[in-house]
Amino acid sequence: MMKRSFPLILASVTALVTAACSRSLPETVPAEEMERVYQEVKTPFKYGLVIPGQDGIATDSPSVFRKDGKWYMTYIIFDGQGYETWLAESPDLLEWKTLGRIMSFSDDGDWDQNQKAGYIALPDTRWGGSYGLEKYAGKYWMSYLGGSKTGYEAGTLAPGMAFTAGNPASAHEWDRLPFPTLSPKDGDASWWDDRVIYKNSVIRDPKCLTGHPFVMFYNAKGNAERIGMAVSDDMEHWQRLGKDPVLSHGDRGITGDAYLQRMGKLWVMFYFGFSWNDETAGKAWDSFACSYDLVHWTDWTGAPLIEPSEDFDSRYAHKPCMVKWKDVVYHFYCAVDDDDNRGIALATSRQLKNK
C-alpha cells in the first residue's frame, strides 16, 4: 500500500479542522447587520459614464485595483467577434485613460481563441483596504471567461486562468493556462451549471473557511443563472464546492457577477439581478448578500444599490465593482441605455461633480 506523505496528511487534517470551525459560524446574518451594511455601501449619487462604449463597441465588467499610487481598471469590450480584456488608468477613480489590451484574440485551435473576458484575481478584499493585488507563486493572476466561438457569449463558455510575472499596471498580454479551470462538460457538473459558465471572481481567504485558500464564485446557467463556488489549493486546479448554488432567485433570470469584500468578520458579495419574476421582468440592478463562512449567504431584500434612472443607464444598471477610498464609496457598474449603448459608469456615496 502506498504511504501518504506527512505534508499531505497534515493538509488533509488542517482542511477538516478548518471546515469544522467554519460550520460553527452562524449561517444567517441578522437583519440589523444587513441594514448596517446597506447604510455603509449605498451609492445614491450617479457621477456618469467613465469609460463609454464607442463606435458600436461595448465596454463592460469593471474590475478595479491600485498599484504604486494609481488606480487601474480591467474591463472587457465586445466588438462583434467576441470578448477581449483591456486596461485603463486613473489618478483619482474619476478620470480614466485607456492603456491598451491585456488579453486579445488568439490563434486557431486555442480553446479560448475568440472569448477572453478577464477579472482581476487575488485583490486585497478588505473594505477600505489597499486594493492592491497579491502575488501567488511569483505571479499576478486574473480569472476570465473563455470560449472558441465567435459572437456574443457563443458556444461553450468556461472559466480560465491568466497570469503574469510582469507589472499588472502595464498594458501587455498576459499568459494563460492551456485549459479551462472548470467546464459545464465536467463529470461533476451539477443541475445548475451544466450548460454555460459565465463570470468568475477569485479571492484568497486568509482563514481558509472552506478548507482551501483560494475561492472562486462563478455564475452559470442550467435554466436560470445562479452563483456557486469552486475551491483550489494552487490557482490552477479547481473543484466545485457542493452540488447547489450558494445564491439563487428561482427558475428565471440572472443572479450573477459576484464581487467580494470583507468587512471585519463579515463577507459581502455584491452582485446583480435580472428578470427574476414578472415584477422585475426586463430589469437589471445591483444588490448584495452577506456571509460569515463564505458558504451560507443572507440576501439583502431592501432597495437596490443601483438601478436604472438616467439616460445613460435607462435600460440596465448592473455588474458591480465596489471600492471605499477616503470615506467615499465608488460603485462602478455597466450602464446600458435605450439604444443598447453599453459603457462603464460610476455612482458614489457622496455627491461629486457630475460627469
Protein backbone atom coordinates (compact mmCIF):
# COMPACT_ATOMS: atom_id res chain seq x y z
CA MET A 1 0.00 0.00 0.00
CA MET A 2 1.32 3.45 -0.93
CA LYS A 3 2.06 5.64 2.09
CA ARG A 4 0.80 9.19 2.11
CA SER A 5 3.45 11.83 2.81
CA PHE A 6 3.30 13.77 6.07
CA PRO A 7 2.59 17.14 4.32
CA LEU A 8 -0.43 15.63 2.55
CA ILE A 9 -1.74 14.14 5.79
CA LEU A 10 -1.21 17.47 7.58
CA ALA A 11 -3.01 19.35 4.79
CA SER A 12 -5.96 16.95 4.97
CA VAL A 13 -6.22 17.28 8.74
CA THR A 14 -5.96 21.08 8.50
CA ALA A 15 -8.75 21.17 5.92
CA LEU A 16 -11.01 19.02 8.12
CA VAL A 17 -10.36 21.16 11.21
CA THR A 18 -10.93 24.39 9.27
CA ALA A 19 -14.16 23.06 7.76
CA ALA A 20 -15.37 22.03 11.23
CA CYS A 21 -14.61 25.52 12.55
CA SER A 22 -16.47 27.17 9.68
CA ARG A 23 -19.52 25.04 10.42
CA SER A 24 -19.62 26.58 13.91
CA LEU A 25 -20.12 30.06 12.43
CA PRO A 26 -23.67 31.45 12.15
CA GLU A 27 -25.36 30.54 8.88
CA THR A 28 -27.52 33.66 8.75
CA VAL A 29 -26.75 37.34 9.22
CA PRO A 30 -29.12 39.35 11.48
CA ALA A 31 -31.40 41.92 9.86
CA GLU A 32 -29.79 44.79 11.79
CA GLU A 33 -26.36 43.80 10.45
CA MET A 34 -27.71 43.70 6.89
CA GLU A 35 -29.16 47.19 7.37
CA ARG A 36 -25.81 48.41 8.71
CA VAL A 37 -24.07 47.10 5.60
CA TYR A 38 -26.63 48.74 3.33
CA GLN A 39 -26.14 52.12 5.01
CA GLU A 40 -22.38 51.71 4.60
CA VAL A 41 -22.36 50.73 0.92
CA LYS A 42 -25.29 52.57 -0.68
CA THR A 43 -24.35 54.88 -3.56
CA PRO A 44 -27.30 57.14 -4.47
CA PHE A 45 -25.30 59.75 -6.42
CA LYS A 46 -24.61 58.97 -10.07
CA TYR A 47 -21.44 60.56 -11.43
CA GLY A 48 -21.91 59.34 -15.02
CA LEU A 49 -20.03 57.33 -17.63
CA VAL A 50 -16.29 56.97 -17.04
CA ILE A 51 -15.45 54.57 -19.91
CA PRO A 52 -18.17 54.84 -22.55
CA GLY A 53 -18.64 52.43 -25.41
CA GLN A 54 -17.63 53.85 -28.78
CA ASP A 55 -18.41 53.20 -32.45
CA GLY A 56 -20.62 50.23 -31.72
CA ILE A 57 -18.09 48.64 -29.34
CA ALA A 58 -19.49 47.78 -25.89
CA THR A 59 -17.48 48.18 -22.67
CA ASP A 60 -18.40 46.04 -19.69
CA SER A 61 -17.42 44.31 -16.40
CA PRO A 62 -15.13 46.74 -14.49
CA SER A 63 -12.53 45.31 -12.11
CA VAL A 64 -10.54 47.92 -10.11
CA PHE A 65 -7.21 47.69 -8.28
CA ARG A 66 -4.47 50.04 -7.01
CA LYS A 67 -0.71 49.98 -7.62
CA ASP A 68 2.09 52.48 -6.98
CA GLY A 69 -0.26 55.32 -6.05
CA LYS A 70 -2.56 54.98 -9.08
CA TRP A 71 -5.81 53.21 -9.84
CA TYR A 72 -6.26 50.68 -12.62
CA MET A 73 -9.30 49.04 -14.14
CA THR A 74 -9.52 45.93 -16.24
CA TYR A 75 -12.63 45.86 -18.37
CA ILE A 76 -13.91 43.95 -21.36
CA ILE A 77 -15.03 45.01 -24.80
CA PHE A 78 -17.29 43.28 -27.30
CA ASP A 79 -16.84 44.21 -30.95
CA GLY A 80 -18.96 41.55 -32.64
CA GLN A 81 -16.27 38.86 -32.78
CA GLY A 82 -16.06 38.21 -29.05
CA TYR A 83 -14.66 39.49 -25.75
CA GLU A 84 -11.20 40.98 -25.23
CA THR A 85 -9.79 42.45 -21.99
CA TRP A 86 -8.36 45.98 -21.72
CA LEU A 87 -6.64 48.09 -19.06
CA ALA A 88 -7.27 51.72 -18.01
CA GLU A 89 -5.52 54.05 -15.53
CA SER A 90 -6.78 56.80 -13.21
CA PRO A 91 -5.24 59.17 -10.64
CA ASP A 92 -8.49 59.68 -8.74
CA LEU A 93 -11.08 56.98 -9.65
CA LEU A 94 -12.96 59.59 -11.72
CA GLU A 95 -10.97 60.32 -14.88
CA TRP A 96 -9.81 57.23 -16.78
CA LYS A 97 -7.32 56.76 -19.63
CA THR A 98 -7.19 53.56 -21.66
CA LEU A 99 -3.73 51.95 -21.78
CA GLY A 100 -4.34 49.01 -24.11
CA ARG A 101 -5.22 45.33 -24.40
CA ILE A 102 -4.08 42.66 -21.96
CA MET A 103 -5.94 39.63 -23.41
CA SER A 104 -6.58 39.55 -27.16
CA PHE A 105 -8.00 37.17 -29.74
CA SER A 106 -5.54 34.36 -30.36
CA ASP A 107 -4.57 31.63 -32.83
CA ASP A 108 -6.81 28.98 -34.32
CA GLY A 109 -7.06 25.94 -32.10
CA ASP A 110 -6.97 27.69 -28.72
CA TRP A 111 -9.93 26.71 -26.55
CA ASP A 112 -10.40 30.43 -25.79
CA GLN A 113 -9.37 32.00 -29.10
CA ASN A 114 -12.42 34.28 -29.53
CA GLN A 115 -13.53 34.96 -25.95
CA LYS A 116 -11.30 36.33 -23.18
CA ALA A 117 -13.24 38.37 -20.62
CA GLY A 118 -10.90 38.98 -17.68
CA TYR A 119 -11.42 39.85 -14.00
CA ILE A 120 -8.54 40.61 -11.62
CA ALA A 121 -7.90 37.84 -9.06
CA LEU A 122 -6.49 37.93 -5.51
CA PRO A 123 -7.16 41.60 -4.71
CA ASP A 124 -6.96 42.94 -1.17
CA THR A 125 -10.58 42.26 -0.19
CA ARG A 126 -10.61 44.42 2.97
CA TRP A 127 -13.32 47.05 2.74
CA GLY A 128 -11.44 50.36 2.67
CA GLY A 129 -8.15 48.47 2.33
CA SER A 130 -5.26 48.90 -0.08
CA TYR A 131 -7.00 47.37 -3.13
CA GLY A 132 -3.58 46.08 -4.15
CA LEU A 133 -3.06 42.73 -5.87
CA GLU A 134 -1.48 39.76 -4.15
CA LYS A 135 1.04 37.52 -5.88
CA TYR A 136 0.95 33.75 -5.72
CA ALA A 137 3.85 31.60 -6.94
CA GLY A 138 5.61 34.80 -8.04
CA LYS A 139 2.79 35.84 -10.39
CA TYR A 140 -0.26 38.09 -10.56
CA TRP A 141 -3.45 36.31 -11.56
CA MET A 142 -6.61 37.02 -13.49
CA SER A 143 -9.60 34.73 -13.99
CA TYR A 144 -11.53 35.03 -17.21
CA LEU A 145 -14.45 33.80 -19.27
CA GLY A 146 -13.16 31.92 -22.30
CA GLY A 147 -14.51 30.28 -25.42
CA SER A 148 -13.65 29.44 -29.03
CA LYS A 149 -16.77 30.51 -30.94
CA THR A 150 -17.34 33.97 -32.39
CA GLY A 151 -20.34 36.07 -31.40
CA TYR A 152 -21.97 37.27 -28.21
CA GLU A 153 -21.32 34.67 -25.49
CA ALA A 154 -21.44 31.98 -28.18
CA GLY A 155 -20.61 28.30 -27.84
CA THR A 156 -19.31 26.51 -24.76
CA LEU A 157 -18.05 29.14 -22.34
CA ALA A 158 -15.92 28.29 -19.30
CA PRO A 159 -13.56 29.98 -16.84
CA GLY A 160 -9.84 30.06 -17.44
CA MET A 161 -6.86 31.45 -15.56
CA ALA A 162 -4.31 34.00 -16.79
CA PHE A 163 -1.13 35.20 -15.08
CA THR A 164 1.84 37.50 -15.45
CA ALA A 165 5.21 37.84 -13.76
CA GLY A 166 5.36 41.39 -15.07
CA ASN A 167 3.71 44.61 -13.97
CA PRO A 168 -0.11 44.27 -13.87
CA ALA A 169 -0.35 48.06 -14.29
CA SER A 170 1.18 47.96 -17.79
CA ALA A 171 -0.68 47.01 -20.95
CA HIS A 172 0.85 43.72 -22.08
CA GLU A 173 -0.50 40.32 -22.99
CA TRP A 174 -0.98 38.02 -20.02
CA ASP A 175 -0.04 34.34 -20.22
CA ARG A 176 -2.82 31.77 -19.87
CA LEU A 177 -3.16 28.21 -18.65
CA PRO A 178 -3.81 25.98 -21.69
CA PHE A 179 -7.05 24.57 -20.30
CA PRO A 180 -10.26 25.82 -18.63
CA THR A 181 -10.37 25.59 -14.85
CA LEU A 182 -14.00 24.37 -14.89
CA SER A 183 -16.35 23.30 -17.65
CA PRO A 184 -20.07 22.65 -17.99
CA LYS A 185 -18.97 19.34 -19.55
CA ASP A 186 -17.13 18.18 -16.41
CA GLY A 187 -18.25 14.90 -14.90
CA ASP A 188 -19.14 16.65 -11.65
CA ALA A 189 -21.15 19.42 -13.34
CA SER A 190 -24.41 19.84 -11.47
CA TRP A 191 -28.04 20.54 -12.34
CA TRP A 192 -27.48 24.29 -12.37
CA ASP A 193 -24.09 24.70 -14.12
CA ASP A 194 -24.16 22.10 -16.90
CA ARG A 195 -24.87 24.45 -19.84
CA VAL A 196 -22.73 27.61 -19.62
CA ILE A 197 -20.33 29.02 -17.01
CA TYR A 198 -20.01 32.81 -17.07
CA LYS A 199 -18.15 35.41 -14.99
CA ASN A 200 -15.91 34.21 -12.17
CA SER A 201 -14.38 36.07 -9.23
CA VAL A 202 -11.35 34.65 -7.39
CA ILE A 203 -10.28 35.65 -3.89
CA ARG A 204 -7.82 34.43 -1.30
CA ASP A 205 -9.45 33.55 2.01
CA PRO A 206 -6.83 34.10 4.75
CA LYS A 207 -8.77 31.88 7.19
CA CYS A 208 -9.40 29.03 4.74
CA LEU A 209 -13.04 28.80 5.82
CA THR A 210 -13.72 26.24 3.10
CA GLY A 211 -10.55 24.27 3.87
CA HIS A 212 -8.85 25.84 0.84
CA PRO A 213 -7.02 29.16 0.43
CA PHE A 214 -8.46 30.12 -2.97
CA VAL A 215 -12.17 30.52 -3.63
CA MET A 216 -13.96 31.17 -6.91
CA PHE A 217 -17.52 32.46 -7.15
CA TYR A 218 -18.97 31.93 -10.61
CA ASN A 219 -22.34 32.28 -12.26
CA ALA A 220 -23.63 29.55 -14.50
CA LYS A 221 -26.78 28.55 -16.31
CA GLY A 222 -28.92 25.49 -16.21
CA ASN A 223 -32.30 27.11 -16.79
CA ALA A 224 -31.83 30.29 -14.73
CA GLU A 225 -28.40 31.80 -13.99
CA ARG A 226 -27.11 31.33 -10.42
CA ILE A 227 -23.92 31.82 -8.36
CA GLY A 228 -21.91 28.90 -6.99
CA MET A 229 -18.44 28.13 -5.64
CA ALA A 230 -15.23 26.33 -6.53
CA VAL A 231 -12.03 25.99 -4.48
CA SER A 232 -8.33 25.47 -5.16
CA ASP A 233 -5.03 24.98 -3.39
CA ASP A 234 -2.80 26.16 -6.25
CA MET A 235 -4.83 28.55 -8.52
CA GLU A 236 -4.59 26.01 -11.37
CA HIS A 237 -6.71 23.04 -10.33
CA TRP A 238 -10.25 23.74 -9.17
CA GLN A 239 -13.12 21.68 -7.81
CA ARG A 240 -16.75 22.58 -7.24
CA LEU A 241 -17.83 23.08 -3.64
CA GLY A 242 -21.20 21.43 -3.16
CA LYS A 243 -23.84 20.43 -5.71
CA ASP A 244 -26.05 23.52 -5.37
CA PRO A 245 -25.62 27.25 -5.96
CA VAL A 246 -24.97 29.50 -2.97
CA LEU A 247 -27.19 32.30 -4.28
CA SER A 248 -30.25 31.81 -6.47
CA HIS A 249 -33.59 33.52 -7.11
CA GLY A 250 -35.92 30.94 -8.58
CA ASP A 251 -36.08 29.48 -12.06
CA ARG A 252 -35.91 32.69 -14.09
CA GLY A 253 -33.45 35.42 -14.89
CA ILE A 254 -29.91 36.04 -13.66
CA THR A 255 -28.14 36.15 -10.32
CA GLY A 256 -24.55 36.89 -11.29
CA ASP A 257 -21.20 38.66 -11.36
CA ALA A 258 -20.15 38.32 -7.73
CA TYR A 259 -17.65 40.83 -6.33
CA LEU A 260 -16.35 40.13 -2.80
CA GLN A 261 -15.34 42.48 0.02
CA ARG A 262 -14.60 41.73 3.68
CA MET A 263 -15.91 43.92 6.50
CA GLY A 264 -14.22 42.56 9.60
CA LYS A 265 -15.62 39.04 10.12
CA LEU A 266 -18.38 39.60 7.59
CA TRP A 267 -18.06 38.84 3.89
CA VAL A 268 -20.14 40.92 1.48
CA MET A 269 -20.97 39.67 -2.00
CA PHE A 270 -22.08 42.39 -4.41
CA TYR A 271 -23.94 41.00 -7.41
CA PHE A 272 -26.59 41.87 -9.99
CA GLY A 273 -30.10 40.62 -10.58
CA PHE A 274 -32.13 40.46 -13.77
CA SER A 275 -35.73 39.37 -14.55
CA TRP A 276 -36.36 37.17 -11.52
CA ASN A 277 -40.14 37.33 -11.89
CA ASP A 278 -42.97 39.16 -13.64
CA GLU A 279 -42.46 42.24 -11.48
CA THR A 280 -38.76 42.53 -12.38
CA ALA A 281 -39.02 41.28 -15.99
CA GLY A 282 -36.57 43.14 -18.23
CA LYS A 283 -34.95 44.99 -15.32
CA ALA A 284 -31.32 44.77 -14.10
CA TRP A 285 -29.98 46.17 -10.83
CA ASP A 286 -27.19 45.69 -8.23
CA SER A 287 -27.66 44.25 -4.74
CA PHE A 288 -25.66 42.31 -2.14
CA ALA A 289 -25.65 39.34 0.24
CA CYS A 290 -23.62 38.70 3.41
CA SER A 291 -21.95 35.67 4.98
CA TYR A 292 -19.78 34.67 7.93
CA ASP A 293 -18.44 31.47 6.34
CA LEU A 294 -18.44 32.17 2.56
CA VAL A 295 -20.89 29.29 2.04
CA HIS A 296 -24.19 30.37 3.62
CA TRP A 297 -25.46 33.73 2.37
CA THR A 298 -28.14 36.07 3.67
CA ASP A 299 -29.66 38.11 0.86
CA TRP A 300 -30.47 41.81 1.13
CA THR A 301 -34.16 42.29 0.41
CA GLY A 302 -34.33 46.09 0.60
CA ALA A 303 -33.77 48.77 -2.02
CA PRO A 304 -31.27 48.10 -4.86
CA LEU A 305 -27.80 49.61 -4.56
CA ILE A 306 -28.22 50.89 -8.09
CA GLU A 307 -30.98 50.69 -10.70
CA PRO A 308 -31.84 52.48 -13.97
CA SER A 309 -32.65 56.17 -13.55
CA GLU A 310 -30.61 58.21 -16.07
CA ASP A 311 -30.39 58.44 -19.85
CA PHE A 312 -27.05 56.58 -19.89
CA ASP A 313 -28.36 53.63 -17.77
CA SER A 314 -32.05 53.72 -18.67
CA ARG A 315 -32.17 50.03 -19.62
CA TYR A 316 -29.71 48.33 -17.24
CA ALA A 317 -27.59 49.40 -14.26
CA HIS A 318 -25.68 46.28 -13.19
CA LYS A 319 -22.44 44.29 -12.66
CA PRO A 320 -20.90 45.95 -9.58
CA CYS A 321 -17.31 46.66 -8.59
CA MET A 322 -17.19 48.48 -5.23
CA VAL A 323 -14.32 50.47 -3.69
CA LYS A 324 -14.20 52.51 -0.48
CA TRP A 325 -11.44 55.13 -0.53
CA LYS A 326 -11.00 58.12 1.82
CA ASP A 327 -14.54 57.69 3.21
CA VAL A 328 -16.20 57.67 -0.22
CA VAL A 329 -17.76 54.56 -1.75
CA TYR A 330 -17.20 54.26 -5.52
CA HIS A 331 -19.62 51.93 -7.28
CA PHE A 332 -18.54 51.09 -10.83
CA TYR A 333 -21.12 49.33 -12.96
CA CYS A 334 -22.17 48.55 -16.52
CA ALA A 335 -24.71 51.07 -17.85
CA VAL A 336 -26.91 50.32 -20.87
CA ASP A 337 -29.20 52.90 -22.46
CA ASP A 338 -32.34 52.52 -24.56
CA ASP A 339 -30.27 52.36 -27.76
CA ASP A 340 -28.24 49.45 -26.33
CA ASN A 341 -25.07 51.54 -25.91
CA ARG A 342 -23.07 49.83 -23.18
CA GLY A 343 -20.43 51.62 -21.07
CA ILE A 344 -18.93 51.72 -17.58
CA ALA A 345 -20.50 54.20 -15.18
CA LEU A 346 -19.88 55.35 -11.62
CA ALA A 347 -22.10 56.10 -8.65
CA THR A 348 -20.85 57.31 -5.25
CA SER A 349 -21.89 57.59 -1.63
CA ARG A 350 -21.35 61.37 -1.70
CA GLN A 351 -22.30 63.94 -4.27
CA LEU A 352 -19.32 64.63 -6.53
CA LYS A 353 -19.19 66.84 -9.59
CA ASN A 354 -21.26 65.35 -12.38
CA LYS A 355 -19.50 63.90 -15.39
